[in-house]
């Protein structure tokens, strides 16, 4: 069964092919994805690598966690399921008086 790994601390210039090639040293890489910022289109500095087995994932963690890659120290661990977040609100939720207007003295 495939195991997904979180990979943090990636240099912003890292491409998915380079990430896949790096992790292939630990075993069969099913997929490698770098998370991109929707607004700027630039890397957020982290991604996910899916290894084909639990053993290969454990090997990848031991090989790459806290190791330097292209000048930055990587954080590699088993990915956790994404937690549900409360919906975003469009306005400010500070409450209270929000008037502007002029003050008369």
PDB file of N, CA and C in Angstrom:
ATOM      1  N   UNK A   1       0.844  -1.187   0.000  1.00  0.00           N
ATOM      2  CA  UNK A   1       0.000   0.000   0.000  1.00  0.00           C
ATOM      3  C   UNK A   1       0.888   1.248   0.000  1.00  0.00           C
ATOM      4  N   UNK A   2       0.567   2.212  -0.843  1.00  0.00           N
ATOM      5  CA  UNK A   2       1.356   3.436  -0.963  1.00  0.00           C
ATOM      6  C   UNK A   2       1.250   4.280   0.305  1.00  0.00           C
ATOM      7  N   UNK A   3       2.335   4.980   0.615  1.00  0.00           N
ATOM      8  CA  UNK A   3       2.386   5.844   1.785  1.00  0.00           C
ATOM      9  C   UNK A   3       2.798   7.235   1.353  1.00  0.00           C
ATOM     10  N   UNK A   4       2.010   8.237   1.774  1.00  0.00           N
ATOM     11  CA  UNK A   4       2.273   9.626   1.399  1.00  0.00           C
ATOM     12  C   UNK A   4       3.136  10.284   2.472  1.00  0.00           C
ATOM     13  N   UNK A   5       4.170  11.009   2.012  1.00  0.00           N
ATOM     14  CA  UNK A   5       5.069  11.728   2.896  1.00  0.00           C
ATOM     15  C   UNK A   5       4.939  13.228   2.690  1.00  0.00           C
ATOM     16  N   UNK A   6       5.030  13.965   3.788  1.00  0.00           N
ATOM     17  CA  UNK A   6       5.118  15.428   3.732  1.00  0.00           C
ATOM     18  C   UNK A   6       6.593  15.779   3.618  1.00  0.00           C
ATOM     19  N   UNK A   7       6.923  16.705   2.720  1.00  0.00           N
ATOM     20  CA  UNK A   7       8.305  17.164   2.561  1.00  0.00           C
ATOM     21  C   UNK A   7       8.302  18.684   2.681  1.00  0.00           C
ATOM     22  N   UNK A   8       8.853  19.186   3.774  1.00  0.00           N
ATOM     23  CA  UNK A   8       8.919  20.628   4.006  1.00  0.00           C
ATOM     24  C   UNK A   8      10.346  21.134   3.897  1.00  0.00           C
ATOM     25  N   UNK A   9      10.478  22.444   3.798  1.00  0.00           N
ATOM     26  CA  UNK A   9      11.795  23.054   3.705  1.00  0.00           C
ATOM     27  C   UNK A   9      12.397  22.991   2.316  1.00  0.00           C
ATOM     28  N   UNK A  10      11.567  22.778   1.317  1.00  0.00           N
ATOM     29  CA  UNK A  10      12.074  22.697  -0.056  1.00  0.00           C
ATOM     30  C   UNK A  10      12.503  24.078  -0.540  1.00  0.00           C
ATOM     31  N   UNK A  11      13.607  24.142  -1.265  1.00  0.00           N
ATOM     32  CA  UNK A  11      13.951  25.409  -1.908  1.00  0.00           C
ATOM     33  C   UNK A  11      12.835  25.794  -2.875  1.00  0.00           C
ATOM     34  N   UNK A  12      12.551  27.073  -2.984  1.00  0.00           N
ATOM     35  CA  UNK A  12      11.440  27.523  -3.819  1.00  0.00           C
ATOM     36  C   UNK A  12      11.674  27.233  -5.300  1.00  0.00           C
ATOM     37  N   UNK A  13      12.916  26.977  -5.671  1.00  0.00           N
ATOM     38  CA  UNK A  13      13.237  26.705  -7.074  1.00  0.00           C
ATOM     39  C   UNK A  13      13.126  25.223  -7.436  1.00  0.00           C
ATOM     40  N   UNK A  14      12.869  24.352  -6.455  1.00  0.00           N
ATOM     41  CA  UNK A  14      12.813  22.912  -6.704  1.00  0.00           C
ATOM     42  C   UNK A  14      11.655  22.554  -7.621  1.00  0.00           C
ATOM     43  N   UNK A  15      11.928  21.714  -8.599  1.00  0.00           N
ATOM     44  CA  UNK A  15      10.916  21.229  -9.530  1.00  0.00           C
ATOM     45  C   UNK A  15      10.472  19.818  -9.102  1.00  0.00           C
ATOM     46  N   UNK A  16       9.278  19.415  -9.509  1.00  0.00           N
ATOM     47  CA  UNK A  16       8.747  18.103  -9.134  1.00  0.00           C
ATOM     48  C   UNK A  16       9.633  16.961  -9.625  1.00  0.00           C
ATOM     49  N   UNK A  17      10.237  17.109 -10.794  1.00  0.00           N
ATOM     50  CA  UNK A  17      11.123  16.057 -11.311  1.00  0.00           C
ATOM     51  C   UNK A  17      12.322  15.840 -10.392  1.00  0.00           C
ATOM     52  N   UNK A  18      12.887  16.937  -9.881  1.00  0.00           N
ATOM     53  CA  UNK A  18      14.040  16.840  -8.987  1.00  0.00           C
ATOM     54  C   UNK A  18      13.639  16.182  -7.667  1.00  0.00           C
ATOM     55  N   UNK A  19      12.449  16.500  -7.178  1.00  0.00           N
ATOM     56  CA  UNK A  19      11.953  15.900  -5.938  1.00  0.00           C
ATOM     57  C   UNK A  19      11.755  14.399  -6.124  1.00  0.00           C
ATOM     58  N   UNK A  20      11.159  14.023  -7.236  1.00  0.00           N
ATOM     59  CA  UNK A  20      10.924  12.605  -7.533  1.00  0.00           C
ATOM     60  C   UNK A  20      12.248  11.861  -7.666  1.00  0.00           C
ATOM     61  N   UNK A  21      13.213  12.477  -8.332  1.00  0.00           N
ATOM     62  CA  UNK A  21      14.531  11.864  -8.512  1.00  0.00           C
ATOM     63  C   UNK A  21      15.242  11.663  -7.168  1.00  0.00           C
ATOM     64  N   UNK A  22      15.146  12.651  -6.292  1.00  0.00           N
ATOM     65  CA  UNK A  22      15.765  12.542  -4.971  1.00  0.00           C
ATOM     66  C   UNK A  22      15.182  11.364  -4.202  1.00  0.00           C
ATOM     67  N   UNK A  23      13.855  11.281  -4.140  1.00  0.00           N
ATOM     68  CA  UNK A  23      13.211  10.245  -3.336  1.00  0.00           C
ATOM     69  C   UNK A  23      13.293   8.861  -3.978  1.00  0.00           C
ATOM     70  N   UNK A  24      13.577   8.806  -5.263  1.00  0.00           N
ATOM     71  CA  UNK A  24      13.753   7.515  -5.938  1.00  0.00           C
ATOM     72  C   UNK A  24      14.959   6.763  -5.374  1.00  0.00           C
ATOM     73  N   UNK A  25      15.860   7.466  -4.708  1.00  0.00           N
ATOM     74  CA  UNK A  25      17.001   6.817  -4.049  1.00  0.00           C
ATOM     75  C   UNK A  25      16.542   5.894  -2.923  1.00  0.00           C
ATOM     76  N   UNK A  26      15.342   6.138  -2.390  1.00  0.00           N
ATOM     77  CA  UNK A  26      14.813   5.338  -1.289  1.00  0.00           C
ATOM     78  C   UNK A  26      13.867   4.243  -1.767  1.00  0.00           C
ATOM     79  N   UNK A  27      13.456   4.290  -3.044  1.00  0.00           N
ATOM     80  CA  UNK A  27      12.532   3.280  -3.549  1.00  0.00           C
ATOM     81  C   UNK A  27      11.661   3.831  -4.660  1.00  0.00           C
ATOM     82  N   UNK A  28      10.569   3.115  -4.925  1.00  0.00           N
ATOM     83  CA  UNK A  28       9.660   3.469  -6.016  1.00  0.00           C
ATOM     84  C   UNK A  28       8.763   4.635  -5.623  1.00  0.00           C
ATOM     85  N   UNK A  29       8.869   5.732  -6.372  1.00  0.00           N
ATOM     86  CA  UNK A  29       8.052   6.924  -6.128  1.00  0.00           C
ATOM     87  C   UNK A  29       6.804   6.845  -6.999  1.00  0.00           C
ATOM     88  N   UNK A  30       5.640   6.846  -6.364  1.00  0.00           N
ATOM     89  CA  UNK A  30       4.368   6.805  -7.079  1.00  0.00           C
ATOM     90  C   UNK A  30       4.049   8.190  -7.637  1.00  0.00           C
ATOM     91  N   UNK A  31       4.254   9.227  -6.820  1.00  0.00           N
ATOM     92  CA  UNK A  31       4.005  10.600  -7.261  1.00  0.00           C
ATOM     93  C   UNK A  31       4.808  11.571  -6.409  1.00  0.00           C
ATOM     94  N   UNK A  32       5.064  12.737  -6.977  1.00  0.00           N
ATOM     95  CA  UNK A  32       5.746  13.822  -6.261  1.00  0.00           C
ATOM     96  C   UNK A  32       5.081  15.124  -6.693  1.00  0.00           C
ATOM     97  N   UNK A  33       4.592  15.886  -5.722  1.00  0.00           N
ATOM     98  CA  UNK A  33       3.872  17.121  -6.010  1.00  0.00           C
ATOM     99  C   UNK A  33       4.414  18.228  -5.117  1.00  0.00           C
ATOM    100  N   UNK A  34       4.696  19.370  -5.717  1.00  0.00           N
ATOM    101  CA  UNK A  34       5.085  20.559  -4.959  1.00  0.00           C
ATOM    102  C   UNK A  34       3.876  21.479  -4.925  1.00  0.00           C
ATOM    103  N   UNK A  35       3.554  21.973  -3.741  1.00  0.00           N
ATOM    104  CA  UNK A  35       2.376  22.827  -3.571  1.00  0.00           C
ATOM    105  C   UNK A  35       2.728  24.255  -3.996  1.00  0.00           C
ATOM    106  N   UNK A  36       1.872  24.792  -4.877  1.00  0.00           N
ATOM    107  CA  UNK A  36       2.107  26.119  -5.434  1.00  0.00           C
ATOM    108  C   UNK A  36       1.092  27.118  -4.882  1.00  0.00           C
ATOM    109  N   UNK A  37       1.527  28.363  -4.727  1.00  0.00           N
ATOM    110  CA  UNK A  37       0.652  29.435  -4.301  1.00  0.00           C
ATOM    111  C   UNK A  37      -0.281  29.797  -5.463  1.00  0.00           C
ATOM    112  N   UNK A  38      -1.569  29.856  -5.206  1.00  0.00           N
ATOM    113  CA  UNK A  38      -2.543  30.122  -6.268  1.00  0.00           C
ATOM    114  C   UNK A  38      -2.395  31.524  -6.848  1.00  0.00           C
ATOM    115  N   UNK A  39      -2.051  32.478  -6.015  1.00  0.00           N
ATOM    116  CA  UNK A  39      -1.981  33.866  -6.477  1.00  0.00           C
ATOM    117  C   UNK A  39      -0.712  34.146  -7.278  1.00  0.00           C
ATOM    118  N   UNK A  40       0.429  33.725  -6.764  1.00  0.00           N
ATOM    119  CA  UNK A  40       1.706  34.060  -7.402  1.00  0.00           C
ATOM    120  C   UNK A  40       2.199  32.984  -8.358  1.00  0.00           C
ATOM    121  N   UNK A  41       1.713  31.746  -8.193  1.00  0.00           N
ATOM    122  CA  UNK A  41       2.189  30.647  -9.018  1.00  0.00           C
ATOM    123  C   UNK A  41       3.546  30.122  -8.595  1.00  0.00           C
ATOM    124  N   UNK A  42       4.056  30.603  -7.455  1.00  0.00           N
ATOM    125  CA  UNK A  42       5.358  30.168  -6.953  1.00  0.00           C
ATOM    126  C   UNK A  42       5.190  29.066  -5.917  1.00  0.00           C
ATOM    127  N   UNK A  43       6.255  28.294  -5.739  1.00  0.00           N
ATOM    128  CA  UNK A  43       6.263  27.214  -4.757  1.00  0.00           C
ATOM    129  C   UNK A  43       6.048  27.767  -3.352  1.00  0.00           C
ATOM    130  N   UNK A  44       5.341  26.988  -2.536  1.00  0.00           N
ATOM    131  CA  UNK A  44       5.176  27.346  -1.126  1.00  0.00           C
ATOM    132  C   UNK A  44       6.283  26.741  -0.263  1.00  0.00           C
ATOM    133  N   UNK A  45       7.190  25.969  -0.875  1.00  0.00           N
ATOM    134  CA  UNK A  45       8.314  25.411  -0.131  1.00  0.00           C
ATOM    135  C   UNK A  45       8.028  24.071   0.522  1.00  0.00           C
ATOM    136  N   UNK A  46       6.913  23.444   0.141  1.00  0.00           N
ATOM    137  CA  UNK A  46       6.642  22.098   0.652  1.00  0.00           C
ATOM    138  C   UNK A  46       5.879  21.308  -0.395  1.00  0.00           C
ATOM    139  N   UNK A  47       5.841  20.010  -0.187  1.00  0.00           N
ATOM    140  CA  UNK A  47       5.144  19.152  -1.121  1.00  0.00           C
ATOM    141  C   UNK A  47       4.883  17.787  -0.523  1.00  0.00           C
ATOM    142  N   UNK A  48       4.457  16.861  -1.374  1.00  0.00           N
ATOM    143  CA  UNK A  48       4.130  15.509  -0.940  1.00  0.00           C
ATOM    144  C   UNK A  48       4.730  14.514  -1.921  1.00  0.00           C
ATOM    145  N   UNK A  49       5.289  13.451  -1.353  1.00  0.00           N
ATOM    146  CA  UNK A  49       5.842  12.360  -2.151  1.00  0.00           C
ATOM    147  C   UNK A  49       5.136  11.097  -1.709  1.00  0.00           C
ATOM    148  N   UNK A  50       4.641  10.336  -2.668  1.00  0.00           N
ATOM    149  CA  UNK A  50       3.979   9.078  -2.355  1.00  0.00           C
ATOM    150  C   UNK A  50       4.909   7.935  -2.734  1.00  0.00           C
ATOM    151  N   UNK A  51       5.284   7.134  -1.739  1.00  0.00           N
ATOM    152  CA  UNK A  51       6.152   5.979  -1.944  1.00  0.00           C
ATOM    153  C   UNK A  51       5.267   4.740  -2.066  1.00  0.00           C
ATOM    154  N   UNK A  52       5.732   3.727  -2.818  1.00  0.00           N
ATOM    155  CA  UNK A  52       4.884   2.577  -3.111  1.00  0.00           C
ATOM    156  C   UNK A  52       4.663   1.635  -1.929  1.00  0.00           C
ATOM    157  N   UNK A  53       5.501   1.731  -0.885  1.00  0.00           N
ATOM    158  CA  UNK A  53       5.292   0.860   0.280  1.00  0.00           C
ATOM    159  C   UNK A  53       5.677   1.589   1.567  1.00  0.00           C
ATOM    160  N   UNK A  54       5.197   1.041   2.669  1.00  0.00           N
ATOM    161  CA  UNK A  54       5.514   1.591   3.988  1.00  0.00           C
ATOM    162  C   UNK A  54       7.019   1.497   4.256  1.00  0.00           C
ATOM    163  N   UNK A  55       7.645   0.393   3.843  1.00  0.00           N
ATOM    164  CA  UNK A  55       9.086   0.222   4.050  1.00  0.00           C
ATOM    165  C   UNK A  55       9.889   1.275   3.306  1.00  0.00           C
ATOM    166  N   UNK A  56       9.502   1.551   2.058  1.00  0.00           N
ATOM    167  CA  UNK A  56      10.204   2.577   1.284  1.00  0.00           C
ATOM    168  C   UNK A  56       9.989   3.965   1.881  1.00  0.00           C
ATOM    169  N   UNK A  57       8.797   4.208   2.395  1.00  0.00           N
ATOM    170  CA  UNK A  57       8.513   5.486   3.035  1.00  0.00           C
ATOM    171  C   UNK A  57       9.382   5.663   4.284  1.00  0.00           C
ATOM    172  N   UNK A  58       9.484   4.609   5.086  1.00  0.00           N
ATOM    173  CA  UNK A  58      10.325   4.668   6.290  1.00  0.00           C
ATOM    174  C   UNK A  58      11.788   4.900   5.913  1.00  0.00           C
ATOM    175  N   UNK A  59      12.234   4.266   4.854  1.00  0.00           N
ATOM    176  CA  UNK A  59      13.613   4.453   4.376  1.00  0.00           C
ATOM    177  C   UNK A  59      13.821   5.900   3.928  1.00  0.00           C
ATOM    178  N   UNK A  60      12.858   6.459   3.207  1.00  0.00           N
ATOM    179  CA  UNK A  60      12.956   7.845   2.746  1.00  0.00           C
ATOM    180  C   UNK A  60      13.007   8.816   3.923  1.00  0.00           C
ATOM    181  N   UNK A  61      12.195   8.574   4.951  1.00  0.00           N
ATOM    182  CA  UNK A  61      12.215   9.433   6.136  1.00  0.00           C
ATOM    183  C   UNK A  61      13.586   9.390   6.784  1.00  0.00           C
ATOM    184  N   UNK A  62      14.133   8.195   6.960  1.00  0.00           N
ATOM    185  CA  UNK A  62      15.449   8.079   7.609  1.00  0.00           C
ATOM    186  C   UNK A  62      16.564   8.672   6.751  1.00  0.00           C
ATOM    187  N   UNK A  63      16.423   8.591   5.428  1.00  0.00           N
ATOM    188  CA  UNK A  63      17.456   9.124   4.537  1.00  0.00           C
ATOM    189  C   UNK A  63      17.423  10.652   4.417  1.00  0.00           C
ATOM    190  N   UNK A  64      16.225  11.239   4.408  1.00  0.00           N
ATOM    191  CA  UNK A  64      16.123  12.651   4.042  1.00  0.00           C
ATOM    192  C   UNK A  64      15.670  13.611   5.129  1.00  0.00           C
ATOM    193  N   UNK A  65      15.062  13.125   6.214  1.00  0.00           N
ATOM    194  CA  UNK A  65      14.623  14.036   7.263  1.00  0.00           C
ATOM    195  C   UNK A  65      15.828  14.725   7.889  1.00  0.00           C
ATOM    196  N   UNK A  66      15.759  16.048   7.959  1.00  0.00           N
ATOM    197  CA  UNK A  66      16.799  16.907   8.514  1.00  0.00           C
ATOM    198  C   UNK A  66      18.111  16.868   7.726  1.00  0.00           C
ATOM    199  N   UNK A  67      18.024  16.434   6.474  1.00  0.00           N
ATOM    200  CA  UNK A  67      19.195  16.461   5.593  1.00  0.00           C
ATOM    201  C   UNK A  67      19.113  17.703   4.706  1.00  0.00           C
ATOM    202  N   UNK A  68      20.277  18.202   4.315  1.00  0.00           N
ATOM    203  CA  UNK A  68      20.316  19.380   3.459  1.00  0.00           C
ATOM    204  C   UNK A  68      20.063  19.002   2.004  1.00  0.00           C
ATOM    205  N   UNK A  69      19.244  19.804   1.342  1.00  0.00           N
ATOM    206  CA  UNK A  69      18.950  19.630  -0.079  1.00  0.00           C
ATOM    207  C   UNK A  69      18.953  21.010  -0.716  1.00  0.00           C
ATOM    208  N   UNK A  70      19.866  21.224  -1.639  1.00  0.00           N
ATOM    209  CA  UNK A  70      20.001  22.505  -2.333  1.00  0.00           C
ATOM    210  C   UNK A  70      20.065  23.678  -1.359  1.00  0.00           C
ATOM    211  N   UNK A  71      20.810  23.499  -0.270  1.00  0.00           N
ATOM    212  CA  UNK A  71      21.038  24.582   0.685  1.00  0.00           C
ATOM    213  C   UNK A  71      20.001  24.744   1.780  1.00  0.00           C
ATOM    214  N   UNK A  72      18.992  23.899   1.819  1.00  0.00           N
ATOM    215  CA  UNK A  72      17.969  23.991   2.874  1.00  0.00           C
ATOM    216  C   UNK A  72      17.784  22.647   3.544  1.00  0.00           C
ATOM    217  N   UNK A  73      17.446  22.687   4.837  1.00  0.00           N
ATOM    218  CA  UNK A  73      17.228  21.464   5.603  1.00  0.00           C
ATOM    219  C   UNK A  73      15.791  20.988   5.419  1.00  0.00           C
ATOM    220  N   UNK A  74      15.648  19.734   4.983  1.00  0.00           N
ATOM    221  CA  UNK A  74      14.328  19.165   4.741  1.00  0.00           C
ATOM    222  C   UNK A  74      13.679  18.646   6.023  1.00  0.00           C
ATOM    223  N   UNK A  75      12.365  18.681   6.046  1.00  0.00           N
ATOM    224  CA  UNK A  75      11.559  18.011   7.061  1.00  0.00           C
ATOM    225  C   UNK A  75      10.744  16.968   6.313  1.00  0.00           C
ATOM    226  N   UNK A  76      10.938  15.703   6.664  1.00  0.00           N
ATOM    227  CA  UNK A  76      10.221  14.622   5.982  1.00  0.00           C
ATOM    228  C   UNK A  76       9.558  13.751   7.034  1.00  0.00           C
ATOM    229  N   UNK A  77       8.243  13.600   6.932  1.00  0.00           N
ATOM    230  CA  UNK A  77       7.512  12.699   7.821  1.00  0.00           C
ATOM    231  C   UNK A  77       6.255  12.212   7.120  1.00  0.00           C
ATOM    232  N   UNK A  78       5.610  11.241   7.728  1.00  0.00           N
ATOM    233  CA  UNK A  78       4.392  10.701   7.138  1.00  0.00           C
ATOM    234  C   UNK A  78       3.313  11.778   7.157  1.00  0.00           C
ATOM    235  N   UNK A  79       2.664  11.956   6.018  1.00  0.00           N
ATOM    236  CA  UNK A  79       1.627  12.990   5.906  1.00  0.00           C
ATOM    237  C   UNK A  79       0.417  12.600   6.731  1.00  0.00           C
ATOM    238  N   UNK A  80      -0.161  13.591   7.366  1.00  0.00           N
ATOM    239  CA  UNK A  80      -1.398  13.382   8.120  1.00  0.00           C
ATOM    240  C   UNK A  80      -2.570  13.793   7.238  1.00  0.00           C
ATOM    241  N   UNK A  81      -3.737  13.210   7.468  1.00  0.00           N
ATOM    242  CA  UNK A  81      -4.911  13.628   6.686  1.00  0.00           C
ATOM    243  C   UNK A  81      -5.208  15.104   6.934  1.00  0.00           C
ATOM    244  N   UNK A  82      -5.667  15.788   5.897  1.00  0.00           N
ATOM    245  CA  UNK A  82      -5.978  17.193   6.033  1.00  0.00           C
ATOM    246  C   UNK A  82      -7.164  17.354   6.981  1.00  0.00           C
ATOM    247  N   UNK A  83      -7.030  18.266   7.939  1.00  0.00           N
ATOM    248  CA  UNK A  83      -8.094  18.511   8.901  1.00  0.00           C
ATOM    249  C   UNK A  83      -9.079  19.518   8.331  1.00  0.00           C
ATOM    250  N   UNK A  84     -10.336  19.333   8.675  1.00  0.00           N
ATOM    251  CA  UNK A  84     -11.366  20.273   8.237  1.00  0.00           C
ATOM    252  C   UNK A  84     -11.141  21.615   8.932  1.00  0.00           C
ATOM    253  N   UNK A  85     -11.236  22.675   8.154  1.00  0.00           N
ATOM    254  CA  UNK A  85     -11.086  24.015   8.711  1.00  0.00           C
ATOM    255  C   UNK A  85     -12.426  24.728   8.644  1.00  0.00           C
ATOM    256  N   UNK A  86     -12.650  25.660   9.568  1.00  0.00           N
ATOM    257  CA  UNK A  86     -13.911  26.411   9.504  1.00  0.00           C
ATOM    258  C   UNK A  86     -13.936  27.252   8.227  1.00  0.00           C
ATOM    259  N   UNK A  87     -15.115  27.492   7.680  1.00  0.00           N
ATOM    260  CA  UNK A  87     -15.191  28.285   6.453  1.00  0.00           C
ATOM    261  C   UNK A  87     -14.682  29.702   6.690  1.00  0.00           C
ATOM    262  N   UNK A  88     -14.059  30.248   5.653  1.00  0.00           N
ATOM    263  CA  UNK A  88     -13.574  31.624   5.749  1.00  0.00           C
ATOM    264  C   UNK A  88     -14.743  32.584   5.606  1.00  0.00           C
ATOM    265  N   UNK A  89     -14.619  33.716   6.287  1.00  0.00           N
ATOM    266  CA  UNK A  89     -15.636  34.750   6.144  1.00  0.00           C
ATOM    267  C   UNK A  89     -15.030  35.879   5.331  1.00  0.00           C
ATOM    268  N   UNK A  90     -15.853  36.572   4.589  1.00  0.00           N
ATOM    269  CA  UNK A  90     -15.355  37.618   3.711  1.00  0.00           C
ATOM    270  C   UNK A  90     -15.040  38.922   4.418  1.00  0.00           C
ATOM    271  N   UNK A  91     -15.702  39.195   5.521  1.00  0.00           N
ATOM    272  CA  UNK A  91     -15.513  40.478   6.202  1.00  0.00           C
ATOM    273  C   UNK A  91     -14.635  40.347   7.419  1.00  0.00           C
ATOM    274  N   UNK A  92     -14.521  41.446   8.140  1.00  0.00           N
ATOM    275  CA  UNK A  92     -13.778  41.335   9.392  1.00  0.00           C
ATOM    276  C   UNK A  92     -14.765  40.996  10.496  1.00  0.00           C
ATOM    277  N   UNK A  93     -14.364  40.134  11.364  1.00  0.00           N
ATOM    278  CA  UNK A  93     -15.239  39.675  12.443  1.00  0.00           C
ATOM    279  C   UNK A  93     -14.883  40.336  13.768  1.00  0.00           C
ATOM    280  N   UNK A  94     -14.482  41.589  13.707  1.00  0.00           N
ATOM    281  CA  UNK A  94     -14.063  42.256  14.934  1.00  0.00           C
ATOM    282  C   UNK A  94     -15.252  42.740  15.752  1.00  0.00           C
ATOM    283  N   UNK A  95     -16.359  42.919  15.085  1.00  0.00           N
ATOM    284  CA  UNK A  95     -17.537  43.400  15.805  1.00  0.00           C
ATOM    285  C   UNK A  95     -17.371  44.848  16.221  1.00  0.00           C
ATOM    286  N   UNK A  96     -18.292  45.318  17.016  1.00  0.00           N
ATOM    287  CA  UNK A  96     -18.186  46.690  17.506  1.00  0.00           C
ATOM    288  C   UNK A  96     -18.558  47.717  16.454  1.00  0.00           C
ATOM    289  N   UNK A  97     -18.344  48.951  16.764  1.00  0.00           N
ATOM    290  CA  UNK A  97     -18.700  50.068  15.902  1.00  0.00           C
ATOM    291  C   UNK A  97     -17.703  50.179  14.765  1.00  0.00           C
ATOM    292  N   UNK A  98     -18.205  50.233  13.549  1.00  0.00           N
ATOM    293  CA  UNK A  98     -17.294  50.310  12.412  1.00  0.00           C
ATOM    294  C   UNK A  98     -17.535  51.578  11.600  1.00  0.00           C
ATOM    295  N   UNK A  99     -18.223  52.514  12.195  1.00  0.00           N
ATOM    296  CA  UNK A  99     -18.536  53.749  11.465  1.00  0.00           C
ATOM    297  C   UNK A  99     -17.311  54.579  11.172  1.00  0.00           C
ATOM    298  N   UNK A 100     -17.426  55.460  10.271  1.00  0.00           N
ATOM    299  CA  UNK A 100     -16.335  56.376   9.918  1.00  0.00           C
ATOM    300  C   UNK A 100     -16.828  57.753  10.218  1.00  0.00           C
ATOM    301  N   UNK A 101     -17.278  58.402   9.204  1.00  0.00           N
ATOM    302  CA  UNK A 101     -17.937  59.700   9.385  1.00  0.00           C
ATOM    303  C   UNK A 101     -17.071  60.741  10.061  1.00  0.00           C
ATOM    304  N   UNK A 102     -17.640  61.929  10.183  1.00  0.00           N
ATOM    305  CA  UNK A 102     -16.909  63.025  10.806  1.00  0.00           C
ATOM    306  C   UNK A 102     -17.331  63.178  12.255  1.00  0.00           C
ATOM    307  N   UNK A 103     -16.405  63.647  13.036  1.00  0.00           N
ATOM    308  CA  UNK A 103     -16.726  63.979  14.438  1.00  0.00           C
ATOM    309  C   UNK A 103     -16.987  65.467  14.530  1.00  0.00           C
ATOM    310  N   UNK A 104     -17.983  65.809  15.252  1.00  0.00           N
ATOM    311  CA  UNK A 104     -18.230  67.230  15.467  1.00  0.00           C
ATOM    312  C   UNK A 104     -17.824  67.580  16.884  1.00  0.00           C
ATOM    313  N   UNK A 105     -17.143  68.704  17.028  1.00  0.00           N
ATOM    314  CA  UNK A 105     -16.696  69.130  18.356  1.00  0.00           C
ATOM    315  C   UNK A 105     -17.481  70.311  18.828  1.00  0.00           C
TER     316      UNK A 105
END
